[in-house]
PDB file of N, CA and C in Angstrom:
ATOM      1  N   MET A   1       1.225  -1.150   0.023  1.00  0.00           N
ATOM      2  CA  MET A   1       0.243  -0.278   0.152  1.00  0.00           C
ATOM      3  C   MET A   1       1.161   0.984   0.366  1.00  0.00           C
ATOM      4  N   ASP A   2       0.685   2.245  -0.306  1.00  0.00           N
ATOM      5  CA  ASP A   2       1.120   3.458  -1.259  1.00  0.00           C
ATOM      6  C   ASP A   2       0.798   4.682  -0.645  1.00  0.00           C
ATOM      7  N   THR A   3       1.287   5.127   1.018  1.00  0.00           N
ATOM      8  CA  THR A   3       0.575   5.948   1.552  1.00  0.00           C
ATOM      9  C   THR A   3       1.107   7.460   0.735  1.00  0.00           C
ATOM     10  N   ARG A   4      -0.189   7.823   0.696  1.00  0.00           N
ATOM     11  CA  ARG A   4       0.472   9.438   0.397  1.00  0.00           C
ATOM     12  C   ARG A   4      -0.051  10.334   1.179  1.00  0.00           C
ATOM     13  N   TRP A   5       0.650  11.633   1.599  1.00  0.00           N
ATOM     14  CA  TRP A   5       0.495  12.743   2.707  1.00  0.00           C
ATOM     15  C   TRP A   5       0.693  13.630   2.179  1.00  0.00           C
ATOM     16  N   GLU A   6       0.146  14.951   2.813  1.00  0.00           N
ATOM     17  CA  GLU A   6      -0.163  16.470   2.360  1.00  0.00           C
ATOM     18  C   GLU A   6       0.877  17.210   3.743  1.00  0.00           C
ATOM     19  N   TYR A   7       0.722  17.754   3.544  1.00  0.00           N
ATOM     20  CA  TYR A   7       2.145  18.809   4.087  1.00  0.00           C
ATOM     21  C   TYR A   7       1.438  20.266   4.583  1.00  0.00           C
ATOM     22  N   LYS A   8       2.254  20.600   5.301  1.00  0.00           N
ATOM     23  CA  LYS A   8       1.173  22.042   6.127  1.00  0.00           C
ATOM     24  C   LYS A   8       2.928  22.463   6.408  1.00  0.00           C
ATOM     25  N   VAL A   9       2.605  24.006   6.842  1.00  0.00           N
ATOM     26  CA  VAL A   9       3.963  24.452   6.527  1.00  0.00           C
ATOM     27  C   VAL A   9       3.539  25.933   7.464  1.00  0.00           C
ATOM     28  N   LEU A  10       4.020  26.217   8.743  1.00  0.00           N
ATOM     29  CA  LEU A  10       3.496  27.147   9.296  1.00  0.00           C
ATOM     30  C   LEU A  10       4.929  27.918   9.983  1.00  0.00           C
ATOM     31  N   SER A  11       4.528  29.300  10.085  1.00  0.00           N
ATOM     32  CA  SER A  11       5.459  30.134  10.328  1.00  0.00           C
ATOM     33  C   SER A  11       5.374  30.549  12.094  1.00  0.00           C
ATOM     34  N   LEU A  12       6.133  30.318  12.856  1.00  0.00           N
ATOM     35  CA  LEU A  12       6.098  31.017  14.023  1.00  0.00           C
ATOM     36  C   LEU A  12       6.366  32.511  14.293  1.00  0.00           C
ATOM     37  N   LYS A  13       6.056  33.292  14.830  1.00  0.00           N
ATOM     38  CA  LYS A  13       7.403  34.413  14.563  1.00  0.00           C
ATOM     39  C   LYS A  13       7.526  34.558  15.952  1.00  0.00           C
ATOM     40  N   SER A  14       8.435  35.561  16.387  1.00  0.00           N
ATOM     41  CA  SER A  14       8.931  35.758  17.614  1.00  0.00           C
ATOM     42  C   SER A  14       9.351  36.652  17.987  1.00  0.00           C
ATOM     43  N   GLU A  15       9.240  37.736  18.991  1.00  0.00           N
ATOM     44  CA  GLU A  15       9.585  38.971  18.936  1.00  0.00           C
ATOM     45  C   GLU A  15      10.819  39.304  19.890  1.00  0.00           C
ATOM     46  N   HIS A  16      11.647  38.013  20.371  1.00  0.00           N
ATOM     47  CA  HIS A  16      12.443  37.700  20.726  1.00  0.00           C
ATOM     48  C   HIS A  16      13.527  37.196  20.378  1.00  0.00           C
ATOM     49  N   GLY A  17      12.900  36.761  18.778  1.00  0.00           N
ATOM     50  CA  GLY A  17      14.340  35.609  18.145  1.00  0.00           C
ATOM     51  C   GLY A  17      14.383  34.496  18.903  1.00  0.00           C
ATOM     52  N   ILE A  18      15.534  33.696  18.004  1.00  0.00           N
ATOM     53  CA  ILE A  18      15.925  32.247  19.156  1.00  0.00           C
ATOM     54  C   ILE A  18      16.182  32.964  20.216  1.00  0.00           C
ATOM     55  N   LYS A  19      16.564  32.174  21.655  1.00  0.00           N
ATOM     56  CA  LYS A  19      16.978  32.098  22.939  1.00  0.00           C
ATOM     57  C   LYS A  19      17.971  31.432  22.915  1.00  0.00           C
ATOM     58  N   ALA A  20      19.436  31.984  23.549  1.00  0.00           N
ATOM     59  CA  ALA A  20      20.268  31.252  24.124  1.00  0.00           C
ATOM     60  C   ALA A  20      20.113  30.141  24.932  1.00  0.00           C
ATOM     61  N   ALA A  21      19.113  30.514  26.064  1.00  0.00           N
ATOM     62  CA  ALA A  21      19.073  29.792  27.344  1.00  0.00           C
ATOM     63  C   ALA A  21      17.766  29.487  26.914  1.00  0.00           C
ATOM     64  N   PHE A  22      18.172  27.976  27.652  1.00  0.00           N
ATOM     65  CA  PHE A  22      16.580  26.929  27.610  1.00  0.00           C
ATOM     66  C   PHE A  22      15.810  27.073  28.931  1.00  0.00           C
ATOM     67  N   GLY A  23      14.285  27.212  28.768  1.00  0.00           N
ATOM     68  CA  GLY A  23      13.361  27.509  29.693  1.00  0.00           C
ATOM     69  C   GLY A  23      12.090  27.648  29.001  1.00  0.00           C
ATOM     70  N   ALA A  24      10.832  27.651  29.746  1.00  0.00           N
ATOM     71  CA  ALA A  24       9.739  28.005  29.202  1.00  0.00           C
ATOM     72  C   ALA A  24       9.621  29.313  28.835  1.00  0.00           C
ATOM     73  N   SER A  25       8.765  30.002  27.748  1.00  0.00           N
ATOM     74  CA  SER A  25       8.356  31.267  28.058  1.00  0.00           C
ATOM     75  C   SER A  25       6.980  31.611  27.164  1.00  0.00           C
ATOM     76  N   ALA A  26       6.565  32.410  26.855  1.00  0.00           N
ATOM     77  CA  ALA A  26       5.336  32.489  26.537  1.00  0.00           C
ATOM     78  C   ALA A  26       5.251  32.312  25.117  1.00  0.00           C
ATOM     79  N   ASP A  27       6.416  32.369  24.408  1.00  0.00           N
ATOM     80  CA  ASP A  27       6.773  31.821  22.942  1.00  0.00           C
ATOM     81  C   ASP A  27       6.639  30.216  23.049  1.00  0.00           C
ATOM     82  N   ASP A  28       6.902  29.657  24.187  1.00  0.00           N
ATOM     83  CA  ASP A  28       7.004  28.511  24.113  1.00  0.00           C
ATOM     84  C   ASP A  28       5.536  27.812  24.285  1.00  0.00           C
ATOM     85  N   LYS A  29       5.148  28.627  24.754  1.00  0.00           N
ATOM     86  CA  LYS A  29       3.647  28.092  25.513  1.00  0.00           C
ATOM     87  C   LYS A  29       2.464  28.695  24.196  1.00  0.00           C
ATOM     88  N   GLU A  30       2.986  29.370  23.416  1.00  0.00           N
ATOM     89  CA  GLU A  30       2.342  29.591  21.664  1.00  0.00           C
ATOM     90  C   GLU A  30       2.734  28.176  21.130  1.00  0.00           C
ATOM     91  N   ALA A  31       3.913  28.018  20.920  1.00  0.00           N
ATOM     92  CA  ALA A  31       4.123  27.248  20.457  1.00  0.00           C
ATOM     93  C   ALA A  31       3.435  25.392  20.629  1.00  0.00           C
ATOM     94  N   THR A  32       3.651  25.123  22.143  1.00  0.00           N
ATOM     95  CA  THR A  32       3.113  24.493  22.073  1.00  0.00           C
ATOM     96  C   THR A  32       1.825  23.945  22.027  1.00  0.00           C
ATOM     97  N   GLU A  33       0.870  25.788  22.146  1.00  0.00           N
ATOM     98  CA  GLU A  33      -1.137  25.389  22.021  1.00  0.00           C
ATOM     99  C   GLU A  33      -0.656  24.902  20.339  1.00  0.00           C
ATOM    100  N   ILE A  34      -0.128  25.546  19.414  1.00  0.00           N
ATOM    101  CA  ILE A  34      -0.086  25.500  17.978  1.00  0.00           C
ATOM    102  C   ILE A  34       0.277  23.868  17.737  1.00  0.00           C
ATOM    103  N   ILE A  35       1.463  23.087  17.974  1.00  0.00           N
ATOM    104  CA  ILE A  35       1.651  21.754  17.377  1.00  0.00           C
ATOM    105  C   ILE A  35       0.406  20.815  18.312  1.00  0.00           C
ATOM    106  N   ASN A  36       0.079  21.325  19.598  1.00  0.00           N
ATOM    107  CA  ASN A  36      -0.956  20.362  20.267  1.00  0.00           C
ATOM    108  C   ASN A  36      -2.175  20.617  18.950  1.00  0.00           C
ATOM    109  N   ARG A  37      -2.500  22.006  18.935  1.00  0.00           N
ATOM    110  CA  ARG A  37      -4.006  21.867  18.208  1.00  0.00           C
ATOM    111  C   ARG A  37      -3.521  21.383  16.604  1.00  0.00           C
ATOM    112  N   GLU A  38      -2.824  21.247  16.075  1.00  0.00           N
ATOM    113  CA  GLU A  38      -2.274  20.613  14.986  1.00  0.00           C
ATOM    114  C   GLU A  38      -2.323  18.913  15.044  1.00  0.00           C
ATOM    115  N   GLY A  39      -1.665  18.690  15.905  1.00  0.00           N
ATOM    116  CA  GLY A  39      -1.751  17.088  16.481  1.00  0.00           C
ATOM    117  C   GLY A  39      -3.318  16.658  16.329  1.00  0.00           C
ATOM    118  N   SER A  40      -3.822  17.967  16.678  1.00  0.00           N
ATOM    119  CA  SER A  40      -5.298  17.142  17.565  1.00  0.00           C
ATOM    120  C   SER A  40      -6.344  16.918  15.993  1.00  0.00           C
ATOM    121  N   GLN A  41      -5.375  17.713  15.156  1.00  0.00           N
ATOM    122  CA  GLN A  41      -6.242  17.549  13.913  1.00  0.00           C
ATOM    123  C   GLN A  41      -5.574  16.418  12.865  1.00  0.00           C
ATOM    124  N   GLY A  42      -4.403  15.810  13.042  1.00  0.00           N
ATOM    125  CA  GLY A  42      -3.872  14.465  12.122  1.00  0.00           C
ATOM    126  C   GLY A  42      -2.682  14.976  12.175  1.00  0.00           C
ATOM    127  N   TRP A  43      -2.102  16.274  12.135  1.00  0.00           N
ATOM    128  CA  TRP A  43      -1.061  17.133  11.688  1.00  0.00           C
ATOM    129  C   TRP A  43      -0.108  16.244  12.517  1.00  0.00           C
ATOM    130  N   GLU A  44       1.645  15.757  12.113  1.00  0.00           N
ATOM    131  CA  GLU A  44       2.293  15.441  12.959  1.00  0.00           C
ATOM    132  C   GLU A  44       3.695  16.237  12.526  1.00  0.00           C
ATOM    133  N   LEU A  45       4.019  16.890  13.791  1.00  0.00           N
ATOM    134  CA  LEU A  45       5.358  18.337  13.377  1.00  0.00           C
ATOM    135  C   LEU A  45       6.347  17.187  13.192  1.00  0.00           C
ATOM    136  N   VAL A  46       6.796  17.140  11.968  1.00  0.00           N
ATOM    137  CA  VAL A  46       7.997  16.853  11.521  1.00  0.00           C
ATOM    138  C   VAL A  46       9.321  17.470  11.477  1.00  0.00           C
ATOM    139  N   SER A  47       9.346  18.801  11.359  1.00  0.00           N
ATOM    140  CA  SER A  47      10.514  19.508  11.435  1.00  0.00           C
ATOM    141  C   SER A  47      10.223  20.791  11.436  1.00  0.00           C
ATOM    142  N   ALA A  48      11.333  21.600  12.605  1.00  0.00           N
ATOM    143  CA  ALA A  48      11.165  22.872  12.769  1.00  0.00           C
ATOM    144  C   ALA A  48      12.420  23.708  12.666  1.00  0.00           C
ATOM    145  N   VAL A  49      12.704  24.401  11.705  1.00  0.00           N
ATOM    146  CA  VAL A  49      13.639  25.274  11.211  1.00  0.00           C
ATOM    147  C   VAL A  49      13.626  27.090  11.209  1.00  0.00           C
ATOM    148  N   SER A  50      14.852  27.456  11.729  1.00  0.00           N
ATOM    149  CA  SER A  50      15.053  28.768  11.471  1.00  0.00           C
ATOM    150  C   SER A  50      16.489  29.176  11.153  1.00  0.00           C
ATOM    151  N   THR A  51      16.762  29.933  10.244  1.00  0.00           N
ATOM    152  CA  THR A  51      17.661  29.808   9.375  1.00  0.00           C
ATOM    153  C   THR A  51      18.488  31.100  10.001  1.00  0.00           C
ATOM    154  N   TYR A  52      17.849  31.788  10.083  1.00  0.00           N
ATOM    155  CA  TYR A  52      18.418  33.441  11.247  1.00  0.00           C
ATOM    156  C   TYR A  52      17.654  33.568  12.586  1.00  0.00           C
ATOM    157  N   ALA A  53      17.991  34.214  13.145  1.00  0.00           N
ATOM    158  CA  ALA A  53      17.399  34.450  14.795  1.00  0.00           C
ATOM    159  C   ALA A  53      16.680  35.108  14.552  1.00  0.00           C
ATOM    160  N   THR A  54      16.655  36.353  13.102  1.00  0.00           N
ATOM    161  CA  THR A  54      15.597  36.831  13.548  1.00  0.00           C
ATOM    162  C   THR A  54      14.261  36.501  12.516  1.00  0.00           C
ATOM    163  N   GLN A  55      14.123  35.754  12.034  1.00  0.00           N
ATOM    164  CA  GLN A  55      13.662  34.568  11.082  1.00  0.00           C
ATOM    165  C   GLN A  55      12.286  33.665  11.895  1.00  0.00           C
ATOM    166  N   PRO A  56      11.323  33.752  11.545  1.00  0.00           N
ATOM    167  CA  PRO A  56      10.115  32.720  11.874  1.00  0.00           C
ATOM    168  C   PRO A  56      10.851  31.385  12.199  1.00  0.00           C
ATOM    169  N   LEU A  57      10.623  30.534  13.342  1.00  0.00           N
ATOM    170  CA  LEU A  57      10.629  29.351  13.408  1.00  0.00           C
ATOM    171  C   LEU A  57       9.419  28.863  12.260  1.00  0.00           C
ATOM    172  N   ARG A  58       9.984  28.260  11.284  1.00  0.00           N
ATOM    173  CA  ARG A  58       8.888  27.347  10.708  1.00  0.00           C
ATOM    174  C   ARG A  58       8.481  26.039  10.542  1.00  0.00           C
ATOM    175  N   LEU A  59       7.817  25.467  11.172  1.00  0.00           N
ATOM    176  CA  LEU A  59       6.969  24.261  11.844  1.00  0.00           C
ATOM    177  C   LEU A  59       6.348  23.300   9.764  1.00  0.00           C
ATOM    178  N   PHE A  60       6.806  22.288   9.817  1.00  0.00           N
ATOM    179  CA  PHE A  60       6.742  21.443   9.006  1.00  0.00           C
ATOM    180  C   PHE A  60       6.182  20.048   9.956  1.00  0.00           C
ATOM    181  N   PHE A  61       4.272  20.030   9.043  1.00  0.00           N
ATOM    182  CA  PHE A  61       3.750  18.748   9.741  1.00  0.00           C
ATOM    183  C   PHE A  61       3.341  18.046   8.655  1.00  0.00           C
ATOM    184  N   LYS A  62       2.983  17.079   8.563  1.00  0.00           N
ATOM    185  CA  LYS A  62       2.164  15.680   7.883  1.00  0.00           C
ATOM    186  C   LYS A  62       1.501  15.151   7.917  1.00  0.00           C
ATOM    187  N   ARG A  63       0.777  14.343   7.349  1.00  0.00           N
ATOM    188  CA  ARG A  63      -0.552  13.509   7.799  1.00  0.00           C
ATOM    189  C   ARG A  63      -1.027  12.891   6.763  1.00  0.00           C
ATOM    190  N   PRO A  64      -1.091  11.864   6.643  1.00  0.00           N
ATOM    191  CA  PRO A  64      -1.701  11.512   5.725  1.00  0.00           C
ATOM    192  C   PRO A  64      -3.293  11.544   5.136  1.00  0.00           C
ATOM    193  N   ARG A  65      -3.180  11.450   3.675  1.00  0.00           N
ATOM    194  CA  ARG A  65      -4.527  11.663   2.834  1.00  0.00           C
ATOM    195  C   ARG A  65      -5.477  11.068   3.220  1.00  0.00           C
TER     196      ARG A  65
END
């Protein structure tokens, strides 16, 4: 059986850029809410990428069609 996928990309903008230190913040809470919301709709987070600290974090999701 050949599984077909659909993909979704969301950009998560941060006023603070990428943080050098680890720890929960308002940005982390928002990201968690977004990921949980998408997960409840069947989307699986497969990657998160930010090329520069000033660029949004891009979240890549997939789910079977």
